[in-house]
Amino acid sequence: SGASAMSIIRTHVLGNVLGPVFVYATGLLSVSMILAAGLSFL
């Protein structure tokens, strides 16, 4: 239909991508806490 790439990403793609990425990122919080404490320990 002639929509620009940025318009398609913002309107159609981003909403579908944020959910799975957000879920994966929340799982990294526990790992990040342990790694951060490990760096300070060292």
PDB file of all heavy atoms in Angstrom:
ATOM      1  N   SER A   1       0.809  -1.218   0.000  1.00  0.00           N
ATOM      2  CA  SER A   1       0.000   0.000   0.000  1.00  0.00           C
ATOM      3  C   SER A   1       0.840   1.265   0.000  1.00  0.00           C
ATOM      4  O   SER A   1       0.309   2.365  -0.092  1.00  0.00           O
ATOM      5  CB  SER A   1      -0.934   0.007   1.221  1.00  0.00           C
ATOM      6  OG  SER A   1      -0.179   0.126   2.417  1.00  0.00           O
ATOM      7  N   GLY A   2       2.150   1.120   0.105  1.00  0.00           N
ATOM      8  CA  GLY A   2       3.043   2.263   0.050  1.00  0.00           C
ATOM      9  C   GLY A   2       3.480   2.786   1.401  1.00  0.00           C
ATOM     10  O   GLY A   2       4.117   3.843   1.465  1.00  0.00           O
ATOM     11  N   ALA A   3       3.152   2.096   2.498  1.00  0.00           N
ATOM     12  CA  ALA A   3       3.568   2.540   3.825  1.00  0.00           C
ATOM     13  C   ALA A   3       5.090   2.444   3.956  1.00  0.00           C
ATOM     14  O   ALA A   3       5.718   1.520   3.433  1.00  0.00           O
ATOM     15  CB  ALA A   3       2.890   1.698   4.898  1.00  0.00           C
ATOM     16  N   SER A   4       5.669   3.401   4.650  1.00  0.00           N
ATOM     17  CA  SER A   4       7.120   3.399   4.841  1.00  0.00           C
ATOM     18  C   SER A   4       7.537   2.306   5.815  1.00  0.00           C
ATOM     19  O   SER A   4       6.719   1.790   6.584  1.00  0.00           O
ATOM     20  CB  SER A   4       7.576   4.759   5.362  1.00  0.00           C
ATOM     21  OG  SER A   4       7.018   5.011   6.645  1.00  0.00           O
ATOM     22  N   ALA A   5       8.827   1.982   5.766  1.00  0.00           N
ATOM     23  CA  ALA A   5       9.335   0.924   6.643  1.00  0.00           C
ATOM     24  C   ALA A   5       9.177   1.309   8.115  1.00  0.00           C
ATOM     25  O   ALA A   5       8.791   0.482   8.943  1.00  0.00           O
ATOM     26  CB  ALA A   5      10.801   0.647   6.313  1.00  0.00           C
ATOM     27  N   MET A   6       9.454   2.572   8.451  1.00  0.00           N
ATOM     28  CA  MET A   6       9.322   3.010   9.843  1.00  0.00           C
ATOM     29  C   MET A   6       7.877   2.950  10.300  1.00  0.00           C
ATOM     30  O   MET A   6       7.594   2.577  11.447  1.00  0.00           O
ATOM     31  CB  MET A   6       9.866   4.433   9.993  1.00  0.00           C
ATOM     32  CG  MET A   6      11.381   4.540   9.896  1.00  0.00           C
ATOM     33  SD  MET A   6      12.217   3.542  11.151  1.00  0.00           S
ATOM     34  CE  MET A   6      11.565   4.283  12.640  1.00  0.00           C
ATOM     35  N   SER A   7       6.964   3.306   9.407  1.00  0.00           N
ATOM     36  CA  SER A   7       5.545   3.240   9.763  1.00  0.00           C
ATOM     37  C   SER A   7       5.102   1.807   9.994  1.00  0.00           C
ATOM     38  O   SER A   7       4.352   1.519  10.942  1.00  0.00           O
ATOM     39  CB  SER A   7       4.708   3.876   8.658  1.00  0.00           C
ATOM     40  OG  SER A   7       3.325   3.750   8.949  1.00  0.00           O
ATOM     41  N   ILE A   8       5.553   0.890   9.172  1.00  0.00           N
ATOM     42  CA  ILE A   8       5.187  -0.520   9.331  1.00  0.00           C
ATOM     43  C   ILE A   8       5.764  -1.078  10.626  1.00  0.00           C
ATOM     44  O   ILE A   8       5.080  -1.780  11.373  1.00  0.00           O
ATOM     45  CB  ILE A   8       5.674  -1.332   8.119  1.00  0.00           C
ATOM     46  CG1 ILE A   8       4.942  -0.885   6.850  1.00  0.00           C
ATOM     47  CG2 ILE A   8       5.472  -2.822   8.350  1.00  0.00           C
ATOM     48  CD1 ILE A   8       5.448  -1.545   5.584  1.00  0.00           C
ATOM     49  N   ILE A   9       7.028  -0.754  10.910  1.00  0.00           N
ATOM     50  CA  ILE A   9       7.663  -1.258  12.133  1.00  0.00           C
ATOM     51  C   ILE A   9       6.954  -0.702  13.365  1.00  0.00           C
ATOM     52  O   ILE A   9       6.658  -1.445  14.306  1.00  0.00           O
ATOM     53  CB  ILE A   9       9.154  -0.871  12.148  1.00  0.00           C
ATOM     54  CG1 ILE A   9       9.907  -1.637  11.055  1.00  0.00           C
ATOM     55  CG2 ILE A   9       9.768  -1.156  13.519  1.00  0.00           C
ATOM     56  CD1 ILE A   9      11.361  -1.244  10.922  1.00  0.00           C
ATOM     57  N   ARG A  10       6.653   0.596  13.345  1.00  0.00           N
ATOM     58  CA  ARG A  10       6.023   1.221  14.505  1.00  0.00           C
ATOM     59  C   ARG A  10       4.591   0.743  14.710  1.00  0.00           C
ATOM     60  O   ARG A  10       4.154   0.523  15.854  1.00  0.00           O
ATOM     61  CB  ARG A  10       6.049   2.735  14.343  1.00  0.00           C
ATOM     62  CG  ARG A  10       5.495   3.495  15.543  1.00  0.00           C
ATOM     63  CD  ARG A  10       5.561   4.994  15.344  1.00  0.00           C
ATOM     64  NE  ARG A  10       4.715   5.442  14.245  1.00  0.00           N
ATOM     65  CZ  ARG A  10       5.165   5.835  13.063  1.00  0.00           C
ATOM     66  NH1 ARG A  10       6.486   5.821  12.831  1.00  0.00           N
ATOM     67  NH2 ARG A  10       4.349   6.229  12.109  1.00  0.00           N
ATOM     68  N   THR A  11       3.861   0.533  13.622  1.00  0.00           N
ATOM     69  CA  THR A  11       2.437   0.217  13.730  1.00  0.00           C
ATOM     70  C   THR A  11       2.166  -1.279  13.838  1.00  0.00           C
ATOM     71  O   THR A  11       1.318  -1.703  14.626  1.00  0.00           O
ATOM     72  CB  THR A  11       1.678   0.791  12.515  1.00  0.00           C
ATOM     73  OG1 THR A  11       1.969   2.187  12.386  1.00  0.00           O
ATOM     74  CG2 THR A  11       0.181   0.596  12.671  1.00  0.00           C
ATOM     75  N   HIS A  12       2.887  -2.085  13.056  1.00  0.00           N
ATOM     76  CA  HIS A  12       2.530  -3.494  12.933  1.00  0.00           C
ATOM     77  C   HIS A  12       3.547  -4.453  13.559  1.00  0.00           C
ATOM     78  O   HIS A  12       3.158  -5.512  14.047  1.00  0.00           O
ATOM     79  CB  HIS A  12       2.367  -3.863  11.451  1.00  0.00           C
ATOM     80  CG  HIS A  12       1.321  -3.058  10.737  1.00  0.00           C
ATOM     81  ND1 HIS A  12      -0.023  -3.183  11.008  1.00  0.00           N
ATOM     82  CD2 HIS A  12       1.438  -2.102   9.767  1.00  0.00           C
ATOM     83  CE1 HIS A  12      -0.710  -2.353  10.231  1.00  0.00           C
ATOM     84  NE2 HIS A  12       0.156  -1.678   9.476  1.00  0.00           N
ATOM     85  N   VAL A  13       4.816  -4.090  13.514  1.00  0.00           N
ATOM     86  CA  VAL A  13       5.856  -5.036  13.942  1.00  0.00           C
ATOM     87  C   VAL A  13       6.193  -4.874  15.418  1.00  0.00           C
ATOM     88  O   VAL A  13       6.289  -5.861  16.158  1.00  0.00           O
ATOM     89  CB  VAL A  13       7.121  -4.870  13.076  1.00  0.00           C
ATOM     90  CG1 VAL A  13       8.219  -5.838  13.536  1.00  0.00           C
ATOM     91  CG2 VAL A  13       6.794  -5.091  11.611  1.00  0.00           C
ATOM     92  N   LEU A  14       6.347  -3.631  15.868  1.00  0.00           N
ATOM     93  CA  LEU A  14       6.841  -3.388  17.214  1.00  0.00           C
ATOM     94  C   LEU A  14       5.944  -4.003  18.277  1.00  0.00           C
ATOM     95  O   LEU A  14       6.435  -4.595  19.242  1.00  0.00           O
ATOM     96  CB  LEU A  14       6.973  -1.877  17.445  1.00  0.00           C
ATOM     97  CG  LEU A  14       7.626  -1.446  18.760  1.00  0.00           C
ATOM     98  CD1 LEU A  14       9.041  -1.985  18.852  1.00  0.00           C
ATOM     99  CD2 LEU A  14       7.627   0.072  18.872  1.00  0.00           C
ATOM    100  N   GLY A  15       4.623  -3.898  18.111  1.00  0.00           N
ATOM    101  CA  GLY A  15       3.710  -4.451  19.108  1.00  0.00           C
ATOM    102  C   GLY A  15       3.820  -5.951  19.252  1.00  0.00           C
ATOM    103  O   GLY A  15       3.622  -6.498  20.350  1.00  0.00           O
ATOM    104  N   ASN A  16       4.145  -6.640  18.151  1.00  0.00           N
ATOM    105  CA  ASN A  16       4.289  -8.093  18.209  1.00  0.00           C
ATOM    106  C   ASN A  16       5.641  -8.529  18.761  1.00  0.00           C
ATOM    107  O   ASN A  16       5.775  -9.652  19.248  1.00  0.00           O
ATOM    108  CB  ASN A  16       4.110  -8.700  16.805  1.00  0.00           C
ATOM    109  CG  ASN A  16       2.699  -8.543  16.287  1.00  0.00           C
ATOM    110  OD1 ASN A  16       1.768  -9.183  16.758  1.00  0.00           O
ATOM    111  ND2 ASN A  16       2.528  -7.663  15.312  1.00  0.00           N
ATOM    112  N   VAL A  17       6.624  -7.648  18.668  1.00  0.00           N
ATOM    113  CA  VAL A  17       7.979  -8.002  19.101  1.00  0.00           C
ATOM    114  C   VAL A  17       8.194  -7.701  20.579  1.00  0.00           C
ATOM    115  O   VAL A  17       8.883  -8.452  21.284  1.00  0.00           O
ATOM    116  CB  VAL A  17       9.017  -7.264  18.233  1.00  0.00           C
ATOM    117  CG1 VAL A  17      10.433  -7.488  18.760  1.00  0.00           C
ATOM    118  CG2 VAL A  17       8.913  -7.717  16.786  1.00  0.00           C
ATOM    119  N   LEU A  18       7.610  -6.611  21.081  1.00  0.00           N
ATOM    120  CA  LEU A  18       7.884  -6.178  22.441  1.00  0.00           C
ATOM    121  C   LEU A  18       7.477  -7.219  23.476  1.00  0.00           C
ATOM    122  O   LEU A  18       8.166  -7.389  24.485  1.00  0.00           O
ATOM    123  CB  LEU A  18       7.155  -4.857  22.735  1.00  0.00           C
ATOM    124  CG  LEU A  18       7.776  -3.604  22.129  1.00  0.00           C
ATOM    125  CD1 LEU A  18       6.954  -2.377  22.497  1.00  0.00           C
ATOM    126  CD2 LEU A  18       9.215  -3.428  22.602  1.00  0.00           C
ATOM    127  N   GLY A  19       6.353  -7.913  23.246  1.00  0.00           N
ATOM    128  CA  GLY A  19       5.883  -8.894  24.223  1.00  0.00           C
ATOM    129  C   GLY A  19       6.895  -9.995  24.492  1.00  0.00           C
ATOM    130  O   GLY A  19       7.339 -10.179  25.641  1.00  0.00           O
ATOM    131  N   PRO A  20       7.302 -10.772  23.478  1.00  0.00           N
ATOM    132  CA  PRO A  20       8.300 -11.830  23.712  1.00  0.00           C
ATOM    133  C   PRO A  20       9.627 -11.307  24.241  1.00  0.00           C
ATOM    134  O   PRO A  20      10.250 -11.952  25.091  1.00  0.00           O
ATOM    135  CB  PRO A  20       8.462 -12.460  22.317  1.00  0.00           C
ATOM    136  CG  PRO A  20       7.186 -12.139  21.605  1.00  0.00           C
ATOM    137  CD  PRO A  20       6.766 -10.803  22.112  1.00  0.00           C
ATOM    138  N   VAL A  21      10.069 -10.152  23.743  1.00  0.00           N
ATOM    139  CA  VAL A  21      11.345  -9.605  24.220  1.00  0.00           C
ATOM    140  C   VAL A  21      11.238  -9.183  25.676  1.00  0.00           C
ATOM    141  O   VAL A  21      12.164  -9.401  26.471  1.00  0.00           O
ATOM    142  CB  VAL A  21      11.792  -8.420  23.332  1.00  0.00           C
ATOM    143  CG1 VAL A  21      13.077  -7.802  23.876  1.00  0.00           C
ATOM    144  CG2 VAL A  21      11.996  -8.877  21.901  1.00  0.00           C
ATOM    145  N   PHE A  22      10.104  -8.585  26.041  1.00  0.00           N
ATOM    146  CA  PHE A  22       9.894  -8.171  27.427  1.00  0.00           C
ATOM    147  C   PHE A  22       9.904  -9.372  28.371  1.00  0.00           C
ATOM    148  O   PHE A  22      10.512  -9.325  29.446  1.00  0.00           O
ATOM    149  CB  PHE A  22       8.570  -7.414  27.547  1.00  0.00           C
ATOM    150  CG  PHE A  22       8.198  -7.055  28.962  1.00  0.00           C
ATOM    151  CD1 PHE A  22       8.820  -6.012  29.617  1.00  0.00           C
ATOM    152  CD2 PHE A  22       7.232  -7.787  29.639  1.00  0.00           C
ATOM    153  CE1 PHE A  22       8.482  -5.683  30.917  1.00  0.00           C
ATOM    154  CE2 PHE A  22       6.880  -7.466  30.938  1.00  0.00           C
ATOM    155  CZ  PHE A  22       7.511  -6.414  31.578  1.00  0.00           C
ATOM    156  N   VAL A  23       9.229 -10.443  27.967  1.00  0.00           N
ATOM    157  CA  VAL A  23       9.204 -11.651  28.795  1.00  0.00           C
ATOM    158  C   VAL A  23      10.613 -12.201  28.965  1.00  0.00           C
ATOM    159  O   VAL A  23      11.022 -12.591  30.072  1.00  0.00           O
ATOM    160  CB  VAL A  23       8.271 -12.709  28.172  1.00  0.00           C
ATOM    161  CG1 VAL A  23       8.401 -14.035  28.903  1.00  0.00           C
ATOM    162  CG2 VAL A  23       6.826 -12.237  28.217  1.00  0.00           C
ATOM    163  N   TYR A  24      11.378 -12.234  27.888  1.00  0.00           N
ATOM    164  CA  TYR A  24      12.752 -12.745  27.979  1.00  0.00           C
ATOM    165  C   TYR A  24      13.616 -11.836  28.855  1.00  0.00           C
ATOM    166  O   TYR A  24      14.431 -12.316  29.640  1.00  0.00           O
ATOM    167  CB  TYR A  24      13.353 -12.852  26.579  1.00  0.00           C
ATOM    168  CG  TYR A  24      14.729 -13.458  26.557  1.00  0.00           C
ATOM    169  CD1 TYR A  24      14.896 -14.830  26.635  1.00  0.00           C
ATOM    170  CD2 TYR A  24      15.862 -12.659  26.467  1.00  0.00           C
ATOM    171  CE1 TYR A  24      16.167 -15.390  26.619  1.00  0.00           C
ATOM    172  CE2 TYR A  24      17.130 -13.211  26.457  1.00  0.00           C
ATOM    173  CZ  TYR A  24      17.273 -14.578  26.543  1.00  0.00           C
ATOM    174  OH  TYR A  24      18.529 -15.140  26.546  1.00  0.00           O
ATOM    175  N   ALA A  25      13.417 -10.522  28.732  1.00  0.00           N
ATOM    176  CA  ALA A  25      14.223  -9.585  29.522  1.00  0.00           C
ATOM    177  C   ALA A  25      13.928  -9.709  31.009  1.00  0.00           C
ATOM    178  O   ALA A  25      14.842  -9.591  31.835  1.00  0.00           O
ATOM    179  CB  ALA A  25      13.975  -8.150  29.050  1.00  0.00           C
ATOM    180  N   THR A  26      12.674  -9.960  31.374  1.00  0.00           N
ATOM    181  CA  THR A  26      12.362 -10.128  32.794  1.00  0.00           C
ATOM    182  C   THR A  26      13.082 -11.347  33.373  1.00  0.00           C
ATOM    183  O   THR A  26      13.464 -11.351  34.543  1.00  0.00           O
ATOM    184  CB  THR A  26      10.851 -10.272  33.003  1.00  0.00           C
ATOM    185  OG1 THR A  26      10.350 -11.343  32.190  1.00  0.00           O
ATOM    186  CG2 THR A  26      10.121  -8.990  32.654  1.00  0.00           C
ATOM    187  N   GLY A  27      13.253 -12.367  32.548  1.00  0.00           N
ATOM    188  CA  GLY A  27      13.995 -13.531  33.016  1.00  0.00           C
ATOM    189  C   GLY A  27      15.473 -13.258  33.227  1.00  0.00           C
ATOM    190  O   GLY A  27      16.138 -13.973  33.987  1.00  0.00           O
ATOM    191  N   LEU A  28      16.003 -12.231  32.564  1.00  0.00           N
ATOM    192  CA  LEU A  28      17.417 -11.879  32.721  1.00  0.00           C
ATOM    193  C   LEU A  28      17.699 -11.097  33.996  1.00  0.00           C
ATOM    194  O   LEU A  28      18.864 -10.951  34.381  1.00  0.00           O
ATOM    195  CB  LEU A  28      17.886 -11.054  31.517  1.00  0.00           C
ATOM    196  CG  LEU A  28      17.982 -11.761  30.170  1.00  0.00           C
ATOM    197  CD1 LEU A  28      18.404 -10.772  29.090  1.00  0.00           C
ATOM    198  CD2 LEU A  28      18.963 -12.925  30.231  1.00  0.00           C
ATOM    199  N   LEU A  29      16.662 -10.585  34.642  1.00  0.00           N
ATOM    200  CA  LEU A  29      16.883  -9.769  35.841  1.00  0.00           C
ATOM    201  C   LEU A  29      17.547 -10.577  36.950  1.00  0.00           C
ATOM    202  O   LEU A  29      18.444 -10.077  37.636  1.00  0.00           O
ATOM    203  CB  LEU A  29      15.546  -9.197  36.326  1.00  0.00           C
ATOM    204  CG  LEU A  29      14.942  -8.093  35.463  1.00  0.00           C
ATOM    205  CD1 LEU A  29      13.541  -7.755  35.930  1.00  0.00           C
ATOM    206  CD2 LEU A  29      15.826  -6.846  35.482  1.00  0.00           C
ATOM    207  N   SER A  30      17.108 -11.812  37.148  1.00  0.00           N
ATOM    208  CA  SER A  30      17.714 -12.633  38.194  1.00  0.00           C
ATOM    209  C   SER A  30      19.173 -12.946  37.868  1.00  0.00           C
ATOM    210  O   SER A  30      20.040 -12.928  38.750  1.00  0.00           O
ATOM    211  CB  SER A  30      16.920 -13.922  38.374  1.00  0.00           C
ATOM    212  OG  SER A  30      16.883 -14.666  37.175  1.00  0.00           O
ATOM    213  N   VAL A  31      19.452 -13.206  36.586  1.00  0.00           N
ATOM    214  CA  VAL A  31      20.838 -13.466  36.176  1.00  0.00           C
ATOM    215  C   VAL A  31      21.686 -12.221  36.372  1.00  0.00           C
ATOM    216  O   VAL A  31      22.834 -12.292  36.830  1.00  0.00           O
ATOM    217  CB  VAL A  31      20.875 -13.922  34.704  1.00  0.00           C
ATOM    218  CG1 VAL A  31      22.309 -14.189  34.259  1.00  0.00           C
ATOM    219  CG2 VAL A  31      20.017 -15.167  34.507  1.00  0.00           C
ATOM    220  N   SER A  32      21.115 -11.070  36.029  1.00  0.00           N
ATOM    221  CA  SER A  32      21.858  -9.817  36.168  1.00  0.00           C
ATOM    222  C   SER A  32      22.194  -9.524  37.623  1.00  0.00           C
ATOM    223  O   SER A  32      23.296  -9.042  37.931  1.00  0.00           O
ATOM    224  CB  SER A  32      21.040  -8.674  35.569  1.00  0.00           C
ATOM    225  OG  SER A  32      21.747  -7.462  35.648  1.00  0.00           O
ATOM    226  N   MET A  33      21.254  -9.810  38.531  1.00  0.00           N
ATOM    227  CA  MET A  33      21.523  -9.591  39.953  1.00  0.00           C
ATOM    228  C   MET A  33      22.714 -10.425  40.421  1.00  0.00           C
ATOM    229  O   MET A  33      23.600  -9.938  41.135  1.00  0.00           O
ATOM    230  CB  MET A  33      20.290  -9.943  40.770  1.00  0.00           C
ATOM    231  CG  MET A  33      19.161  -8.934  40.715  1.00  0.00           C
ATOM    232  SD  MET A  33      19.555  -7.364  41.519  1.00  0.00           S
ATOM    233  CE  MET A  33      19.995  -7.942  43.159  1.00  0.00           C
ATOM    234  N   ILE A  34      22.750 -11.679  40.006  1.00  0.00           N
ATOM    235  CA  ILE A  34      23.830 -12.568  40.441  1.00  0.00           C
ATOM    236  C   ILE A  34      25.157 -12.155  39.820  1.00  0.00           C
ATOM    237  O   ILE A  34      26.198 -12.132  40.499  1.00  0.00           O
ATOM    238  CB  ILE A  34      23.472 -14.023  40.086  1.00  0.00           C
ATOM    239  CG1 ILE A  34      22.227 -14.463  40.866  1.00  0.00           C
ATOM    240  CG2 ILE A  34      24.637 -14.956  40.390  1.00  0.00           C
ATOM    241  CD1 ILE A  34      21.708 -15.832  40.477  1.00  0.00           C
ATOM    242  N   LEU A  35      25.158 -11.824  38.519  1.00  0.00           N
ATOM    243  CA  LEU A  35      26.400 -11.409  37.865  1.00  0.00           C
ATOM    244  C   LEU A  35      26.927 -10.102  38.440  1.00  0.00           C
ATOM    245  O   LEU A  35      28.137  -9.942  38.631  1.00  0.00           O
ATOM    246  CB  LEU A  35      26.165 -11.262  36.362  1.00  0.00           C
ATOM    247  CG  LEU A  35      25.939 -12.548  35.569  1.00  0.00           C
ATOM    248  CD1 LEU A  35      25.718 -12.238  34.100  1.00  0.00           C
ATOM    249  CD2 LEU A  35      27.105 -13.509  35.739  1.00  0.00           C
ATOM    250  N   ALA A  36      26.016  -9.154  38.731  1.00  0.00           N
ATOM    251  CA  ALA A  36      26.449  -7.878  39.309  1.00  0.00           C
ATOM    252  C   ALA A  36      27.075  -8.092  40.680  1.00  0.00           C
ATOM    253  O   ALA A  36      28.111  -7.495  41.017  1.00  0.00           O
ATOM    254  CB  ALA A  36      25.261  -6.918  39.398  1.00  0.00           C
ATOM    255  N   ALA A  37      26.445  -8.942  41.498  1.00  0.00           N
ATOM    256  CA  ALA A  37      27.017  -9.235  42.811  1.00  0.00           C
ATOM    257  C   ALA A  37      28.359  -9.955  42.671  1.00  0.00           C
ATOM    258  O   ALA A  37      29.283  -9.714  43.454  1.00  0.00           O
ATOM    259  CB  ALA A  37      26.043 -10.093  43.615  1.00  0.00           C
ATOM    260  N   GLY A  38      28.459 -10.820  41.661  1.00  0.00           N
ATOM    261  CA  GLY A  38      29.725 -11.519  41.443  1.00  0.00           C
ATOM    262  C   GLY A  38      30.851 -10.578  41.061  1.00  0.00           C
ATOM    263  O   GLY A  38      31.990 -10.742  41.520  1.00  0.00           O
ATOM    264  N   LEU A  39      30.549  -9.592  40.228  1.00  0.00           N
ATOM    265  CA  LEU A  39      31.586  -8.625  39.853  1.00  0.00           C
ATOM    266  C   LEU A  39      32.050  -7.821  41.065  1.00  0.00           C
ATOM    267  O   LEU A  39      33.249  -7.571  41.229  1.00  0.00           O
ATOM    268  CB  LEU A  39      31.047  -7.685  38.771  1.00  0.00           C
ATOM    269  CG  LEU A  39      30.792  -8.300  37.391  1.00  0.00           C
ATOM    270  CD1 LEU A  39      30.216  -7.259  36.440  1.00  0.00           C
ATOM    271  CD2 LEU A  39      32.064  -8.907  36.806  1.00  0.00           C
ATOM    272  N   SER A  40      31.119  -7.412  41.909  1.00  0.00           N
ATOM    273  CA  SER A  40      31.509  -6.684  43.120  1.00  0.00           C
ATOM    274  C   SER A  40      32.292  -7.579  44.070  1.00  0.00           C
ATOM    275  O   SER A  40      33.225  -7.126  44.738  1.00  0.00           O
ATOM    276  CB  SER A  40      30.260  -6.131  43.818  1.00  0.00           C
ATOM    277  OG  SER A  40      29.620  -5.160  43.027  1.00  0.00           O
ATOM    278  N   PHE A  41      31.902  -8.850  44.144  1.00  0.00           N
ATOM    279  CA  PHE A  41      32.623  -9.791  45.001  1.00  0.00           C
ATOM    280  C   PHE A  41      34.074  -9.929  44.553  1.00  0.00           C
ATOM    281  O   PHE A  41      34.981 -10.074  45.383  1.00  0.00           O
ATOM    282  CB  PHE A  41      31.926 -11.148  44.968  1.00  0.00           C
ATOM    283  CG  PHE A  41      32.564 -12.182  45.835  1.00  0.00           C
ATOM    284  CD1 PHE A  41      32.259 -12.261  47.192  1.00  0.00           C
ATOM    285  CD2 PHE A  41      33.472 -13.084  45.316  1.00  0.00           C
ATOM    286  CE1 PHE A  41      32.852 -13.216  47.999  1.00  0.00           C
ATOM    287  CE2 PHE A  41      34.067 -14.039  46.110  1.00  0.00           C
ATOM    288  CZ  PHE A  41      33.757 -14.110  47.459  1.00  0.00           C
ATOM    289  N   LEU A  42      34.296  -9.871  43.250  1.00  0.00           N
ATOM    290  CA  LEU A  42      35.653 -10.006  42.708  1.00  0.00           C
ATOM    291  C   LEU A  42      36.427  -8.691  42.723  1.00  0.00           C
ATOM    292  O   LEU A  42      37.577  -8.650  42.283  1.00  0.00           O
ATOM    293  CB  LEU A  42      35.586 -10.537  41.270  1.00  0.00           C
ATOM    294  CG  LEU A  42      35.027 -11.956  41.116  1.00  0.00           C
ATOM    295  CD1 LEU A  42      34.882 -12.305  39.636  1.00  0.00           C
ATOM    296  CD2 LEU A  42      35.922 -12.972  41.822  1.00  0.00           C
TER     297      LEU A  42
END
